[in-house]
Each structure stands twice: as structure tokens, then as C-alpha cells.
Amino acid sequence: MITPAHDPKNYLFKENKAEHDIKMANLYAADKKKISILVFETDPDIQYLYQEYMKIISPHVSCTIVDDIEKMINGNDSLNVNKFNPTQKSNFDTIIVDVNVGDYDVIRAVKIILQTIPKQKIIFTTTANPRTIKNEMSCQGLVSGVHILRKPFSFSDLLSVISPTKDKFDKLKLTDHVLASYNSMQEELTDAVDFIKKGIDSDELNLLLIRNDMAVEYTIGVLRSKGLLNVDTLLEDGSLIIIKNAKWYIPDGRVDVPRIMDQWDALVNRSIQQKKLGLRAFCMMDCFFENGFSTELVDYECYLPSQFQIPVIPLCAYRQMDLDCLAEKDKKRLIECHNHMIICE
């Protein structure tokens, strides 16, 4: 079964293991970079909120909190915050800045940062009407490069603005357990195509688990229209498998975890038998919610390791509307059992 204790040496067709290990080492020589965030916030209560949020996603995100504008611009050695200057890039993927109504010094500070590092990602948080902040930004000549997040904001709101979306699949490894959320079928299918293309380019076996209301022929047409032009060939030679998710997860109307695990095990072994690098799966998860199995789903996800020791990368694709229905404790459990997150805006 696919568990942390599963011995990766116990592959079928062991005569191919050396070749497989070389391919793995070459493909994943670089480690995945952790998201680094700088937060400027003067309110101790809001600082505490950020700290609690970041504890949940700490394996994926590092966070530095400052409460002084000079520290935000020039850095502070005791906080390991490097100075911003024209000869070096920022240490931070995202800078989150609180803007109080009537106190716009921080907007001027952000303008200085963007003059030095034009591509720096900046998020303004505020209780004010975003139009008010945009007007002040315009008055100060700061017209672009800043996203505004209005308080109070939810955990998912925060994730959506700090989680990188450009080249989102480039740093994934063939052992990652990925959580992704989507607000529309179009963005979900677009990502499915991009994700599968990565698998084809890497010589992996690819599985696409689609919703029960999606016809297979329709899905094939959509994949073709979104750039997977050789989809018919991929299906014919077995490089791509398309199955309805309910048939994969709950064919008999119940969540049988051992059976599901055996299926994953068999398909990983099949990928090795076909001399593929491993298995890549884009899994739409709506069938659990549609059939009243949200609790069983969280338990199943937590049964899986956050990172595998065998060559499989499942991307668990959730509708945001389904995630919003989960209790906070279950959302936390879902996040903790994945080692990579893609939260679409």
C-alpha cells in the first residue's frame, strides 16, 4: 500500500530500478522552494492572527512579521531581513502590508520598495473601502503591482493571495501530495491539461479522474481544445487513463480505503512495468461531497502521507465551494496532510 513505510525497493521489475533511480535523480535534483512572506502589521491582535495562520501552513511557508516601516524597507539583522537595494532581489515572495485609513506612510514605503524591485509581489490589507486605497495609491503615483485584501479576511482568502500560481507545477516532485482548489470548471480543466503535459514530458503514466457529470468523450474534446492535441494517441498507447472519480473512489457507494490504496498500488506498479518514471494523477474530489462522504474524505486524505516514498504525485482538485463547507478543523487536517498547496483566486 502507499504508506510512508512502503519500501520503494519493492518495485516490480527490479531490473529497471537503476535506470529509474537515475531518471529520478536527474529530474528532481533541486529542492522545492518554501514560500517566504514579510508582514508589516502594527496591531498585536492581527499579528497573533497571522502567527496562528502561519502555524497551519508552516511546512510550506516561512513568515517574518515587522511593526516598523524602517524595518520593512531597510531590514533588521536580528530578524534576518535583508535590506532591499538595486543589486539584490528581495528575500520575500510576498510582502503583506497593513494600511490604516488616513495613515498612508506605508504606501510611500511600498512605492520605494517597488522602485527598487519592480516585480515584488505586494498585498495591501485594510478595513477601508478598496477604492479609497486605490485613490491614495494613484495620488502617490503607485498605479500597479499591488493587490488589495479587505479585512476581515478568511484563511482561504489569505492562501489565495500568497500561493503562487504562475508556473505552479514547475517545482513539484514525483513524490508530492498536492492540494488544489478551484472556483470554476474552466480553470480546473486548464490546470488538468498543464499538469498532464508535465507528466507526458517527464515520461510518466497519467491518470485523470473526472466528475460524474462529465462525459468521457466531452472531456477528451476539452483536453484537445486546451492544447493536449495528441490526447487520442495518449489514450491509445496507455500513457493517459480517464476514469470517472466515483467509479475510482466509491464504485459500491462506500469509501473503502484499503481497496482505494490497492488501486493506487496497482497503477504505480503498472507505470513501472511500462518503464515510465512513475504515476501522475489529477483527481477531482467532488464525488465525496456529492455523496455525503466529506468526513470519510478527510480521513482518507489523512491516511495518505504528505510526501510519498514511491513514484506517485496525486493532485487532489477541490471545488472551493466544497472546501468552504468543511469545518475549520477538517480544513486544517487537509492542509497538514498535503505538502504542496495551489489555491486559485
Protein backbone atom coordinates (compact mmCIF):
# COMPACT_ATOMS: atom_id res chain seq x y z
CA MET A 1 0.00 0.00 0.00
CA ILE A 2 1.02 3.63 -0.42
CA THR A 3 2.28 4.48 3.05
CA PRO A 4 5.47 6.08 4.42
CA ALA A 5 6.65 2.61 5.40
CA HIS A 6 6.22 1.26 1.87
CA ASP A 7 9.68 0.16 0.72
CA PRO A 8 10.49 1.81 -2.61
CA LYS A 9 12.87 -1.05 -3.37
CA ASN A 10 9.95 -3.47 -3.63
CA TYR A 11 9.08 -2.47 -7.18
CA LEU A 12 8.02 -4.95 -9.77
CA PHE A 13 10.62 -5.43 -12.49
CA LYS A 14 13.61 -4.63 -10.28
CA GLU A 15 15.95 -4.91 -13.26
CA ASN A 16 14.76 -1.39 -14.24
CA LYS A 17 15.33 0.16 -10.82
CA ALA A 18 18.83 1.54 -11.52
CA GLU A 19 17.63 3.27 -14.68
CA HIS A 20 14.59 4.56 -12.78
CA ASP A 21 16.73 5.97 -9.94
CA ILE A 22 18.98 7.83 -12.38
CA LYS A 23 15.97 9.41 -14.08
CA MET A 24 14.53 10.42 -10.71
CA ALA A 25 17.81 11.97 -9.54
CA ASN A 26 18.25 13.97 -12.73
CA LEU A 27 14.69 15.22 -12.79
CA TYR A 28 14.45 16.27 -9.15
CA ALA A 29 17.93 17.48 -8.29
CA ALA A 30 16.64 20.81 -6.93
CA ASP A 31 14.53 21.01 -3.79
CA LYS A 32 11.18 22.78 -3.80
CA LYS A 33 11.47 26.36 -2.51
CA LYS A 34 9.43 27.35 0.51
CA ILE A 35 7.22 30.45 0.12
CA SER A 36 8.71 33.36 2.10
CA ILE A 37 6.47 36.16 3.40
CA LEU A 38 7.11 39.51 5.10
CA VAL A 39 4.18 41.00 7.03
CA PHE A 40 4.04 44.65 8.15
CA GLU A 41 1.39 44.90 10.87
CA THR A 42 1.24 47.16 13.94
CA ASP A 43 -1.80 45.65 15.68
CA PRO A 44 -0.72 42.91 18.15
CA ASP A 45 -4.04 41.08 17.75
CA ILE A 46 -3.66 40.90 13.97
CA GLN A 47 -0.02 39.85 14.38
CA TYR A 48 -1.26 36.98 16.54
CA LEU A 49 -3.80 36.05 13.83
CA TYR A 50 -1.02 35.85 11.23
CA GLN A 51 1.07 33.73 13.59
CA GLU A 52 -1.79 31.28 14.07
CA TYR A 53 -2.47 31.09 10.34
CA MET A 54 1.19 30.53 9.57
CA LYS A 55 1.45 27.71 12.10
CA ILE A 56 -1.03 25.75 9.99
CA ILE A 57 0.94 26.17 6.77
CA SER A 58 4.42 26.42 8.32
CA PRO A 59 5.84 23.44 6.39
CA HIS A 60 5.16 25.36 3.19
CA VAL A 61 5.59 29.00 4.25
CA SER A 62 8.08 30.99 6.30
CA CYS A 63 6.86 34.29 7.73
CA THR A 64 8.57 37.35 9.23
CA ILE A 65 6.41 39.98 10.98
CA VAL A 66 7.59 43.57 11.48
CA ASP A 67 5.82 46.58 13.01
CA ASP A 68 8.10 49.39 11.86
CA ILE A 69 8.26 50.97 8.40
CA GLU A 70 12.05 51.33 8.51
CA LYS A 71 12.38 47.63 9.27
CA MET A 72 10.12 46.87 6.34
CA ILE A 73 12.23 48.94 3.93
CA ASN A 74 15.76 48.61 5.28
CA GLY A 75 15.65 45.34 7.14
CA ASN A 76 16.77 44.30 10.59
CA ASP A 77 19.66 41.92 11.13
CA SER A 78 18.11 40.47 14.28
CA LEU A 79 15.11 39.39 12.21
CA ASN A 80 17.26 38.12 9.34
CA VAL A 81 15.52 40.55 6.98
CA ASN A 82 17.89 41.61 4.20
CA LYS A 83 17.93 45.20 3.00
CA PHE A 84 16.26 46.00 -0.28
CA ASN A 85 18.70 47.53 -2.76
CA PRO A 86 19.14 47.71 -6.54
CA THR A 87 21.81 44.99 -6.61
CA GLN A 88 19.82 42.20 -4.99
CA LYS A 89 16.38 40.66 -5.17
CA SER A 90 14.02 40.61 -2.24
CA ASN A 91 14.19 37.62 0.08
CA PHE A 92 10.39 37.51 0.06
CA ASP A 93 7.96 36.06 -2.43
CA THR A 94 5.19 38.23 -0.97
CA ILE A 95 5.07 41.32 1.26
CA ILE A 96 1.79 41.91 3.13
CA VAL A 97 1.27 45.49 4.32
CA ASP A 98 -1.49 46.83 6.57
CA VAL A 99 -2.84 50.25 5.51
CA ASN A 100 -4.74 52.30 8.09
CA VAL A 101 -7.21 54.89 6.89
CA GLY A 102 -5.59 58.34 6.98
CA ASP A 103 -2.10 56.98 7.63
CA TYR A 104 -0.57 56.46 4.22
CA ASP A 105 3.15 56.47 5.03
CA VAL A 106 3.21 52.76 4.25
CA ILE A 107 2.02 53.44 0.70
CA ARG A 108 5.02 55.71 0.22
CA ALA A 109 7.22 52.99 1.71
CA VAL A 110 5.82 50.40 -0.69
CA LYS A 111 6.45 52.78 -3.58
CA ILE A 112 10.12 52.87 -2.55
CA ILE A 113 10.26 49.07 -2.49
CA LEU A 114 8.67 48.77 -5.93
CA GLN A 115 11.04 51.39 -7.36
CA THR A 116 13.89 49.16 -6.20
CA ILE A 117 12.27 45.81 -7.00
CA PRO A 118 9.52 46.40 -9.60
CA LYS A 119 8.41 42.74 -9.69
CA GLN A 120 7.97 42.41 -5.91
CA LYS A 121 4.53 40.97 -5.02
CA ILE A 122 2.76 43.33 -2.60
CA ILE A 123 -0.56 42.77 -0.79
CA PHE A 124 -2.30 45.67 0.97
CA THR A 125 -4.70 44.69 3.78
CA THR A 126 -7.16 47.28 5.04
CA THR A 127 -10.53 47.85 6.68
CA ALA A 128 -11.14 50.75 4.29
CA ASN A 129 -13.04 50.68 1.03
CA PRO A 130 -10.53 49.44 -1.57
CA ARG A 131 -11.49 52.39 -3.78
CA THR A 132 -10.19 54.77 -1.08
CA ILE A 133 -6.83 52.98 -1.01
CA LYS A 134 -6.64 52.88 -4.81
CA ASN A 135 -7.29 56.64 -4.96
CA GLU A 136 -4.47 57.30 -2.48
CA MET A 137 -2.17 54.99 -4.42
CA SER A 138 -2.98 56.92 -7.59
CA CYS A 139 -2.28 60.25 -5.86
CA GLN A 140 1.14 58.95 -4.83
CA GLY A 141 1.88 57.61 -8.29
CA LEU A 142 1.58 53.97 -7.29
CA VAL A 143 -0.68 52.64 -10.02
CA SER A 144 0.06 48.93 -10.29
CA GLY A 145 1.73 45.92 -8.73
CA VAL A 146 -0.40 45.82 -5.57
CA HIS A 147 -3.30 43.54 -4.62
CA ILE A 148 -5.81 44.79 -2.00
CA LEU A 149 -7.26 42.34 0.56
CA ARG A 150 -10.05 43.80 2.68
CA LYS A 151 -10.33 42.93 6.37
CA PRO A 152 -11.77 40.81 7.83
CA PHE A 153 -10.49 38.09 5.52
CA SER A 154 -10.77 34.32 5.72
CA PHE A 155 -7.98 31.77 5.80
CA SER A 156 -8.75 30.79 2.20
CA ASP A 157 -8.59 34.48 1.18
CA LEU A 158 -5.11 34.70 2.64
CA LEU A 159 -3.98 31.49 0.95
CA SER A 160 -5.29 32.67 -2.41
CA VAL A 161 -3.06 35.75 -2.43
CA ILE A 162 0.14 34.18 -1.10
CA SER A 163 0.06 30.91 -3.04
CA PRO A 164 1.98 31.26 -6.33
CA THR A 165 0.00 30.49 -9.48
CA LYS A 166 2.49 31.22 -12.27
CA ASP A 167 4.40 28.09 -13.31
CA LYS A 168 2.63 26.38 -10.43
CA PHE A 169 3.65 22.87 -11.44
CA ASP A 170 7.32 23.50 -12.24
CA LYS A 171 8.67 22.73 -8.77
CA LEU A 172 6.51 19.72 -7.97
CA LYS A 173 8.28 16.40 -7.45
CA LEU A 174 7.11 12.89 -8.25
CA THR A 175 6.52 12.19 -4.57
CA ASP A 176 4.44 15.26 -3.65
CA HIS A 177 0.89 15.17 -2.32
CA VAL A 178 -0.80 18.27 -3.74
CA LEU A 179 -3.94 20.13 -2.65
CA ALA A 180 -5.55 22.49 -5.17
CA SER A 181 -8.81 24.45 -5.09
CA TYR A 182 -10.81 25.88 -7.98
CA ASN A 183 -13.66 28.34 -8.41
CA SER A 184 -14.57 27.25 -11.93
CA MET A 185 -14.54 24.17 -14.13
CA GLN A 186 -12.57 26.07 -16.79
CA GLU A 187 -9.58 26.82 -14.57
CA GLU A 188 -9.69 23.27 -13.23
CA LEU A 189 -9.57 21.75 -16.74
CA THR A 190 -6.85 24.20 -17.79
CA ASP A 191 -4.73 23.05 -14.87
CA ALA A 192 -5.52 19.42 -15.63
CA VAL A 193 -4.10 19.86 -19.13
CA ASP A 194 -0.98 21.67 -17.88
CA PHE A 195 -0.46 19.06 -15.16
CA ILE A 196 -0.80 16.15 -17.60
CA LYS A 197 1.52 17.84 -20.12
CA LYS A 198 4.21 17.88 -17.42
CA GLY A 199 3.65 14.16 -16.93
CA ILE A 200 3.86 13.41 -20.64
CA ASP A 201 7.07 15.44 -20.98
CA SER A 202 8.53 13.55 -17.97
CA ASP A 203 7.57 10.12 -19.38
CA GLU A 204 5.06 9.34 -16.61
CA LEU A 205 1.80 7.40 -16.63
CA ASN A 206 -1.09 9.87 -16.27
CA LEU A 207 -4.49 9.39 -14.63
CA LEU A 208 -7.35 11.88 -14.88
CA LEU A 209 -10.30 11.33 -12.52
CA ILE A 210 -13.25 13.36 -13.79
CA ARG A 211 -16.59 14.35 -12.29
CA ASN A 212 -19.56 12.07 -12.70
CA ASP A 213 -21.43 14.67 -14.79
CA MET A 214 -18.57 14.90 -17.32
CA ALA A 215 -18.82 12.59 -20.32
CA VAL A 216 -15.50 11.00 -21.25
CA GLU A 217 -15.84 11.99 -24.93
CA TYR A 218 -16.63 15.57 -23.92
CA THR A 219 -13.58 15.62 -21.65
CA ILE A 220 -11.36 14.34 -24.46
CA GLY A 221 -12.63 17.17 -26.67
CA VAL A 222 -11.92 19.75 -23.97
CA LEU A 223 -8.40 18.41 -23.39
CA ARG A 224 -7.75 18.64 -27.12
CA SER A 225 -9.11 22.20 -27.32
CA LYS A 226 -6.90 23.27 -24.39
CA GLY A 227 -3.70 22.14 -26.07
CA LEU A 228 -3.39 18.39 -25.49
CA LEU A 229 -3.54 17.76 -29.23
CA ASN A 230 -2.26 14.19 -29.07
CA VAL A 231 -4.84 13.07 -26.49
CA ASP A 232 -6.14 10.27 -28.74
CA THR A 233 -2.66 8.82 -29.14
CA LEU A 234 -2.01 9.08 -25.40
CA LEU A 235 -5.21 7.19 -24.64
CA GLU A 236 -4.47 4.56 -27.27
CA ASP A 237 -0.94 3.80 -26.05
CA GLY A 238 -2.00 3.85 -22.38
CA SER A 239 0.01 6.94 -21.36
CA LEU A 240 -3.26 8.61 -20.26
CA ILE A 241 -6.18 7.00 -18.44
CA ILE A 242 -9.51 8.81 -17.90
CA ILE A 243 -11.94 7.42 -15.29
CA LYS A 244 -14.95 8.94 -13.56
CA ASN A 245 -13.99 9.72 -9.96
CA ALA A 246 -16.99 7.96 -8.40
CA LYS A 247 -16.02 4.75 -10.20
CA TRP A 248 -12.49 5.04 -8.78
CA TYR A 249 -13.32 6.11 -5.22
CA ILE A 250 -16.82 4.83 -4.40
CA PRO A 251 -17.97 2.28 -7.01
CA ASP A 252 -20.08 0.42 -4.44
CA GLY A 253 -21.39 3.53 -2.66
CA ARG A 254 -18.92 3.47 0.23
CA VAL A 255 -15.40 4.71 0.97
CA ASP A 256 -13.32 1.54 1.15
CA VAL A 257 -9.81 2.88 1.89
CA PRO A 258 -7.93 -0.46 1.55
CA ARG A 259 -9.48 -1.00 -1.88
CA ILE A 260 -8.55 2.53 -2.98
CA MET A 261 -4.99 2.03 -1.74
CA ASP A 262 -4.70 -1.25 -3.63
CA GLN A 263 -5.79 0.56 -6.80
CA TRP A 264 -3.08 3.18 -6.35
CA ASP A 265 -0.53 0.48 -5.67
CA ALA A 266 -1.50 -1.45 -8.81
CA LEU A 267 -1.35 1.63 -11.02
CA VAL A 268 2.07 2.68 -9.70
CA ASN A 269 3.33 -0.82 -10.44
CA ARG A 270 1.78 -0.60 -13.89
CA SER A 271 3.70 2.62 -14.54
CA ILE A 272 6.96 0.87 -13.64
CA GLN A 273 6.02 -2.13 -15.80
CA GLN A 274 5.52 0.23 -18.74
CA LYS A 275 9.00 1.67 -17.99
CA LYS A 276 7.50 5.01 -17.03
CA LEU A 277 9.08 7.30 -14.44
CA GLY A 278 6.03 6.94 -12.20
CA LEU A 279 2.36 7.86 -11.85
CA ARG A 280 0.82 11.34 -12.09
CA ALA A 281 -2.86 11.75 -11.16
CA PHE A 282 -5.19 14.76 -11.41
CA CYS A 283 -8.07 13.80 -9.11
CA MET A 284 -11.34 15.74 -8.98
CA MET A 285 -12.69 15.17 -5.47
CA ASP A 286 -16.31 16.35 -5.77
CA CYS A 287 -17.82 12.82 -5.68
CA PHE A 288 -17.16 12.57 -1.93
CA PHE A 289 -19.16 15.72 -1.25
CA GLU A 290 -21.92 14.84 -3.71
CA ASN A 291 -22.45 11.53 -1.90
CA GLY A 292 -22.21 12.83 1.68
CA PHE A 293 -18.73 11.47 2.42
CA SER A 294 -16.89 14.66 3.42
CA THR A 295 -15.81 13.21 6.79
CA GLU A 296 -14.66 9.97 5.18
CA LEU A 297 -12.79 12.00 2.57
CA VAL A 298 -10.74 13.88 5.17
CA ASP A 299 -9.96 10.62 6.95
CA TYR A 300 -8.85 9.05 3.65
CA GLU A 301 -6.64 12.03 2.74
CA CYS A 302 -5.02 11.91 6.18
CA TYR A 303 -4.33 8.20 5.72
CA LEU A 304 -2.04 9.13 2.84
CA PRO A 305 1.42 10.52 3.63
CA SER A 306 2.12 14.19 2.98
CA GLN A 307 5.01 13.03 0.81
CA PHE A 308 5.35 9.61 -0.79
CA GLN A 309 8.29 7.25 -0.89
CA ILE A 310 7.15 5.73 -4.16
CA PRO A 311 6.90 7.49 -7.57
CA VAL A 312 3.40 8.96 -7.46
CA ILE A 313 2.15 12.54 -7.48
CA PRO A 314 -1.60 12.92 -6.86
CA LEU A 315 -3.11 16.39 -7.24
CA CYS A 316 -6.34 16.48 -5.22
CA ALA A 317 -8.52 19.03 -7.03
CA TYR A 318 -11.27 20.51 -4.85
CA ARG A 319 -14.06 22.89 -5.72
CA GLN A 320 -13.71 25.90 -3.44
CA MET A 321 -17.43 25.62 -2.63
CA ASP A 322 -16.77 22.13 -1.22
CA LEU A 323 -13.80 23.26 0.88
CA ASP A 324 -15.90 26.11 2.27
CA CYS A 325 -18.40 23.57 3.62
CA LEU A 326 -15.78 21.83 5.77
CA ALA A 327 -15.29 22.64 9.44
CA GLU A 328 -12.13 24.59 10.23
CA LYS A 329 -10.58 21.58 11.97
CA ASP A 330 -11.12 19.47 8.85
CA LYS A 331 -9.63 22.17 6.61
CA LYS A 332 -6.60 22.21 8.89
CA ARG A 333 -6.28 18.41 8.67
CA LEU A 334 -6.47 18.56 4.86
CA ILE A 335 -3.74 21.18 4.68
CA GLU A 336 -1.49 19.27 7.04
CA CYS A 337 -1.69 16.03 5.05
CA HIS A 338 -0.50 17.66 1.82
CA ASN A 339 2.99 19.00 1.27
CA HIS A 340 2.11 21.43 -1.50
CA MET A 341 -0.87 23.78 -1.99
CA ILE A 342 -2.27 25.57 -5.02
CA ILE A 343 -5.09 27.92 -4.04
CA CYS A 344 -6.54 29.67 -7.08
CA GLU A 345 -8.08 33.12 -6.80
